[in-house]
């Protein structure tokens, strides 16, 4: 049970990085960006190229992959989403679905469909009551997520671009009237959410494998976390929801076949929609 809970926290750490970016986009731009999950795949494949193709240390390769994914997200935001930002949210949602298919196809054409693994030294496992629990990989995953969240918090609360992003999330039109350069700040947003998604992909590929379905298979569970946390509420609610869903998925594997673990997370989602539809932390004040 302890091992499952700890591994669930590691799974939740990856979901946290992916879902926070997804929620930030929803709050600032007002639509569900389905293509967001494909950035996980892009980040994992870029890191794989640096790690295996160029023989770089996995830490360096992962950081480069995450930052380049942020730049890719910034470019896609500028080319695809900024020109249609005044259209109906439904139209932008459909556009994001199309972009997700395009990104998925590009990854499969360029990278292939083979399952790959990162190259890194053998890591030790940590023991609890004489039994192995987390390995150093899972522990680093949790630490990376926590440090990233702390950095995001500082960015949103202590920097001028971060404060402008919060203003845009509260009221986009009012922020524009008060002098916020919404076009420039939107580019900051795309870079931040892309970098977080790329890092999530690298960590997911480190714990598991790197393959073209890595992000494609995660979009529904990312949306599940975002809804439980509150799509229009606090991003800190999304963080709590990520750990909740991760623990539910991994602990439930002790009692039911693994094929039913993710559907169980959606049962939790339905329960939240019935009991607390505003999400864990409710509306932002």
Protein backbone atom coordinates (compact mmCIF):
# COMPACT_ATOMS: atom_id res chain seq x y z
CA UNK A 1 0.00 0.00 0.00
CA UNK A 2 2.80 2.43 0.91
CA UNK A 3 4.58 1.65 -2.35
CA UNK A 4 1.38 2.21 -4.35
CA UNK A 5 0.68 5.52 -2.63
CA UNK A 6 4.23 6.76 -3.23
CA UNK A 7 4.13 5.68 -6.87
CA UNK A 8 0.74 7.38 -7.13
CA UNK A 9 2.36 10.60 -5.92
CA UNK A 10 4.97 10.21 -8.69
CA UNK A 11 2.20 9.66 -11.25
CA UNK A 12 0.35 12.64 -9.84
CA UNK A 13 3.49 14.76 -10.21
CA UNK A 14 3.48 14.16 -13.96
CA UNK A 15 -0.26 14.85 -14.18
CA UNK A 16 0.29 18.01 -12.14
CA UNK A 17 2.78 19.46 -14.64
CA UNK A 18 0.53 18.62 -17.57
CA UNK A 19 -2.78 19.70 -16.05
CA UNK A 20 -1.57 23.01 -14.60
CA UNK A 21 -0.59 24.20 -18.07
CA UNK A 22 -3.85 22.94 -19.52
CA UNK A 23 -5.80 24.84 -16.86
CA UNK A 24 -3.79 28.04 -17.28
CA UNK A 25 -4.66 28.05 -20.98
CA UNK A 26 -8.32 27.49 -20.16
CA UNK A 27 -8.38 30.32 -17.63
CA UNK A 28 -6.56 32.89 -19.76
CA UNK A 29 -7.88 32.07 -23.24
CA UNK A 30 -11.20 30.46 -22.33
CA UNK A 31 -11.02 27.22 -24.33
CA UNK A 32 -9.91 23.61 -23.88
CA UNK A 33 -6.65 23.06 -25.75
CA UNK A 34 -6.78 19.38 -26.71
CA UNK A 35 -3.43 19.64 -28.50
CA UNK A 36 -1.78 20.42 -25.16
CA UNK A 37 -1.22 16.71 -24.45
CA UNK A 38 0.78 16.27 -27.65
CA UNK A 39 3.38 18.62 -26.20
CA UNK A 40 4.22 15.84 -23.73
CA UNK A 41 5.16 13.63 -26.69
CA UNK A 42 7.16 16.43 -28.32
CA UNK A 43 9.10 17.02 -25.09
CA UNK A 44 9.86 13.32 -24.62
CA UNK A 45 11.05 12.85 -28.20
CA UNK A 46 13.22 15.98 -28.16
CA UNK A 47 14.84 14.84 -24.91
CA UNK A 48 15.37 11.39 -26.45
CA UNK A 49 17.21 12.94 -29.40
CA UNK A 50 19.51 14.85 -27.05
CA UNK A 51 19.98 11.91 -24.66
CA UNK A 52 20.43 9.01 -27.07
CA UNK A 53 21.19 10.70 -30.38
CA UNK A 54 23.67 13.26 -29.01
CA UNK A 55 24.72 11.27 -25.91
CA UNK A 56 23.90 14.06 -23.47
CA UNK A 57 23.22 13.49 -19.79
CA UNK A 58 19.51 12.84 -19.22
CA UNK A 59 19.17 15.87 -16.92
CA UNK A 60 20.63 18.19 -19.56
CA UNK A 61 18.66 16.46 -22.33
CA UNK A 62 15.43 16.74 -20.33
CA UNK A 63 15.90 20.45 -19.64
CA UNK A 64 16.71 21.14 -23.30
CA UNK A 65 13.69 19.10 -24.41
CA UNK A 66 11.36 20.96 -22.02
CA UNK A 67 12.61 24.43 -23.03
CA UNK A 68 12.43 23.62 -26.75
CA UNK A 69 8.90 22.32 -26.25
CA UNK A 70 8.08 25.68 -24.67
CA UNK A 71 9.41 27.40 -27.79
CA UNK A 72 7.37 25.05 -30.01
CA UNK A 73 4.25 25.86 -27.96
CA UNK A 74 5.00 29.58 -28.28
CA UNK A 75 5.33 29.24 -32.05
CA UNK A 76 2.09 27.24 -32.32
CA UNK A 77 0.27 29.73 -30.13
CA UNK A 78 1.46 32.62 -32.28
CA UNK A 79 0.72 30.90 -35.61
CA UNK A 80 -2.48 29.00 -34.78
CA UNK A 81 -4.29 30.32 -31.71
CA UNK A 82 -3.51 34.03 -31.55
CA UNK A 83 -5.06 34.75 -34.99
CA UNK A 84 -8.35 33.11 -33.90
CA UNK A 85 -8.43 34.30 -30.28
CA UNK A 86 -11.60 36.32 -30.84
CA UNK A 87 -13.53 33.39 -32.31
CA UNK A 88 -16.02 31.32 -30.34
CA UNK A 89 -14.36 28.98 -27.80
CA UNK A 90 -15.95 26.03 -29.58
CA UNK A 91 -14.15 26.96 -32.79
CA UNK A 92 -10.84 27.18 -30.95
CA UNK A 93 -11.54 23.81 -29.32
CA UNK A 94 -12.09 22.23 -32.74
CA UNK A 95 -8.93 23.89 -34.03
CA UNK A 96 -6.97 22.42 -31.12
CA UNK A 97 -8.30 18.95 -31.93
CA UNK A 98 -7.10 19.35 -35.51
CA UNK A 99 -3.71 20.58 -34.29
CA UNK A 100 -3.46 17.56 -31.99
CA UNK A 101 -3.91 15.23 -34.97
CA UNK A 102 -1.32 17.18 -36.96
CA UNK A 103 1.26 17.04 -34.15
CA UNK A 104 0.56 13.35 -33.56
CA UNK A 105 1.06 12.62 -37.25
CA UNK A 106 4.28 14.63 -37.45
CA UNK A 107 5.73 12.80 -34.44
CA UNK A 108 4.88 9.41 -35.95
CA UNK A 109 6.30 10.34 -39.38
CA UNK A 110 9.52 11.86 -38.01
CA UNK A 111 10.08 9.71 -34.93
CA UNK A 112 8.34 6.48 -35.91
CA UNK A 113 6.12 4.29 -33.75
CA UNK A 114 8.85 2.28 -32.03
CA UNK A 115 8.97 2.21 -28.24
CA UNK A 116 12.18 3.74 -26.91
CA UNK A 117 13.91 4.22 -23.58
CA UNK A 118 16.15 6.94 -22.21
CA UNK A 119 19.73 6.05 -21.33
CA UNK A 120 20.84 6.80 -17.78
CA UNK A 121 22.92 5.11 -15.06
CA UNK A 122 21.36 2.41 -12.91
CA UNK A 123 19.57 4.00 -9.98
CA UNK A 124 19.06 2.71 -6.47
CA UNK A 125 15.73 2.05 -4.78
CA UNK A 126 14.70 3.29 -1.37
CA UNK A 127 13.41 0.75 1.14
CA UNK A 128 10.52 0.92 3.60
CA UNK A 129 10.15 -1.85 6.20
CA UNK A 130 12.67 -3.91 4.29
CA UNK A 131 10.86 -3.66 0.94
CA UNK A 132 11.78 -1.50 -2.08
CA UNK A 133 9.44 1.45 -2.60
CA UNK A 134 10.42 4.43 -4.73
CA UNK A 135 13.47 4.43 -6.95
CA UNK A 136 15.59 7.55 -7.39
CA UNK A 137 13.75 8.17 -10.69
CA UNK A 138 10.34 8.47 -9.02
CA UNK A 139 11.81 10.61 -6.23
CA UNK A 140 13.42 12.97 -8.75
CA UNK A 141 10.10 13.13 -10.62
CA UNK A 142 8.30 14.28 -7.46
CA UNK A 143 11.03 16.82 -6.65
CA UNK A 144 10.99 18.19 -10.22
CA UNK A 145 7.22 18.68 -10.04
CA UNK A 146 7.37 20.42 -6.67
CA UNK A 147 10.23 22.69 -7.75
CA UNK A 148 8.42 23.53 -10.99
CA UNK A 149 5.25 24.40 -9.10
CA UNK A 150 7.24 26.58 -6.70
CA UNK A 151 8.88 28.35 -9.67
CA UNK A 152 5.47 28.83 -11.31
CA UNK A 153 4.08 30.29 -8.08
CA UNK A 154 6.96 32.76 -7.88
CA UNK A 155 6.52 33.66 -11.54
CA UNK A 156 2.80 34.32 -11.12
CA UNK A 157 3.11 36.29 -7.88
CA UNK A 158 6.49 38.06 -8.04
CA UNK A 159 7.09 39.00 -11.68
CA UNK A 160 5.33 41.59 -13.82
CA UNK A 161 4.52 39.11 -16.66
CA UNK A 162 3.13 36.68 -14.07
CA UNK A 163 0.94 39.35 -12.47
CA UNK A 164 -0.26 40.35 -15.93
CA UNK A 165 -1.16 36.73 -16.64
CA UNK A 166 -3.23 36.60 -13.45
CA UNK A 167 -4.97 39.81 -14.48
CA UNK A 168 -5.75 38.33 -17.90
CA UNK A 169 -7.09 35.18 -16.24
CA UNK A 170 -9.41 37.26 -14.05
CA UNK A 171 -10.70 39.58 -16.79
CA UNK A 172 -9.03 39.66 -20.18
CA UNK A 173 -10.84 42.75 -21.46
CA UNK A 174 -10.21 44.76 -18.29
CA UNK A 175 -6.53 43.77 -18.31
CA UNK A 176 -6.24 45.05 -21.88
CA UNK A 177 -7.95 48.33 -20.97
CA UNK A 178 -5.61 48.79 -18.00
CA UNK A 179 -2.59 48.64 -20.30
CA UNK A 180 -1.54 44.98 -20.23
CA UNK A 181 0.09 43.98 -23.52
CA UNK A 182 -2.05 40.86 -23.93
CA UNK A 183 -0.36 39.74 -27.14
CA UNK A 184 3.10 39.73 -25.55
CA UNK A 185 1.91 38.17 -22.29
CA UNK A 186 0.12 35.43 -24.25
CA UNK A 187 3.49 34.42 -25.67
CA UNK A 188 4.80 34.09 -22.12
CA UNK A 189 1.80 31.87 -21.36
CA UNK A 190 2.39 29.56 -24.32
CA UNK A 191 6.06 29.21 -23.40
CA UNK A 192 5.30 28.43 -19.74
CA UNK A 193 2.58 25.84 -20.42
CA UNK A 194 4.67 24.27 -23.20
CA UNK A 195 7.72 23.97 -20.97
CA UNK A 196 5.67 22.38 -18.18
CA UNK A 197 4.10 19.93 -20.65
CA UNK A 198 7.50 19.10 -22.17
CA UNK A 199 8.92 18.41 -18.70
CA UNK A 200 5.91 16.21 -17.94
CA UNK A 201 6.62 14.23 -21.12
CA UNK A 202 10.29 13.79 -20.21
CA UNK A 203 9.40 12.54 -16.72
CA UNK A 204 6.70 10.22 -18.11
CA UNK A 205 9.21 8.80 -20.58
CA UNK A 206 11.77 8.34 -17.80
CA UNK A 207 9.39 6.39 -15.55
CA UNK A 208 7.90 4.51 -18.50
CA UNK A 209 8.82 4.55 -22.19
CA UNK A 210 9.04 7.10 -25.00
CA UNK A 211 6.52 6.45 -27.76
CA UNK A 212 4.22 8.34 -30.11
CA UNK A 213 1.12 7.61 -28.01
CA UNK A 214 2.59 9.06 -24.80
CA UNK A 215 0.62 12.31 -24.88
CA UNK A 216 -2.30 11.04 -26.96
CA UNK A 217 -3.19 8.54 -24.25
CA UNK A 218 -3.07 11.19 -21.51
CA UNK A 219 -5.43 13.93 -22.71
CA UNK A 220 -8.57 12.50 -21.11
CA UNK A 221 -6.92 11.96 -17.74
CA UNK A 222 -5.42 15.47 -17.93
CA UNK A 223 -8.91 16.86 -18.52
CA UNK A 224 -10.17 14.75 -15.62
CA UNK A 225 -7.59 16.32 -13.29
CA UNK A 226 -8.37 19.80 -14.58
CA UNK A 227 -12.11 19.41 -13.99
CA UNK A 228 -11.68 17.95 -10.49
CA UNK A 229 -9.32 20.78 -9.63
CA UNK A 230 -11.72 23.34 -11.06
CA UNK A 231 -11.40 24.60 -14.64
CA UNK A 232 -12.33 28.12 -13.56
CA UNK A 233 -10.87 27.86 -10.09
CA UNK A 234 -7.49 27.83 -8.42
CA UNK A 235 -4.54 26.16 -10.12
CA UNK A 236 -3.64 24.93 -6.64
CA UNK A 237 -6.85 22.91 -6.71
CA UNK A 238 -5.54 21.28 -9.89
CA UNK A 239 -2.34 20.38 -8.08
CA UNK A 240 -4.29 18.65 -5.31
CA UNK A 241 -6.48 16.92 -7.91
CA UNK A 242 -3.40 15.61 -9.74
CA UNK A 243 -2.09 13.85 -6.63
CA UNK A 244 -5.58 12.56 -5.81
CA UNK A 245 -6.05 11.04 -9.27
CA UNK A 246 -2.52 9.64 -9.34
CA UNK A 247 -2.98 7.91 -6.00
CA UNK A 248 -6.43 6.58 -7.01
CA UNK A 249 -5.00 5.09 -10.21
CA UNK A 250 -2.00 3.39 -8.60
CA UNK A 251 -3.65 2.22 -5.37
CA UNK A 252 -6.64 0.79 -7.25
CA UNK A 253 -4.22 -1.42 -9.21
CA UNK A 254 -3.85 -3.46 -6.01
CA UNK A 255 -7.52 -4.46 -6.16
CA UNK A 256 -8.68 -4.34 -9.78
CA UNK A 257 -7.11 -5.09 -13.19
CA UNK A 258 -4.91 -2.23 -14.40
CA UNK A 259 -7.11 -1.77 -17.48
CA UNK A 260 -9.85 -0.42 -15.18
CA UNK A 261 -7.69 1.94 -13.13
CA UNK A 262 -8.03 5.00 -15.36
CA UNK A 263 -11.82 4.53 -15.74
CA UNK A 264 -11.97 4.57 -11.94
CA UNK A 265 -10.48 8.08 -12.05
CA UNK A 266 -13.44 9.12 -14.19
CA UNK A 267 -15.77 7.65 -11.58
CA UNK A 268 -14.11 10.02 -9.11
CA UNK A 269 -14.68 12.83 -11.63
CA UNK A 270 -18.40 12.02 -11.87
CA UNK A 271 -18.66 12.02 -8.10
CA UNK A 272 -17.06 15.47 -7.95
CA UNK A 273 -19.37 16.80 -10.66
CA UNK A 274 -22.36 15.60 -8.63
CA UNK A 275 -21.14 16.75 -5.22
CA UNK A 276 -18.84 19.70 -5.91
CA UNK A 277 -19.06 20.78 -9.58
CA UNK A 278 -16.92 23.92 -8.97
CA UNK A 279 -13.89 21.75 -8.21
CA UNK A 280 -11.78 21.22 -5.12
CA UNK A 281 -11.00 24.84 -4.31
CA UNK A 282 -14.03 26.50 -5.86
CA UNK A 283 -13.97 29.85 -7.59
CA UNK A 284 -11.06 32.25 -7.53
CA UNK A 285 -11.72 35.37 -5.49
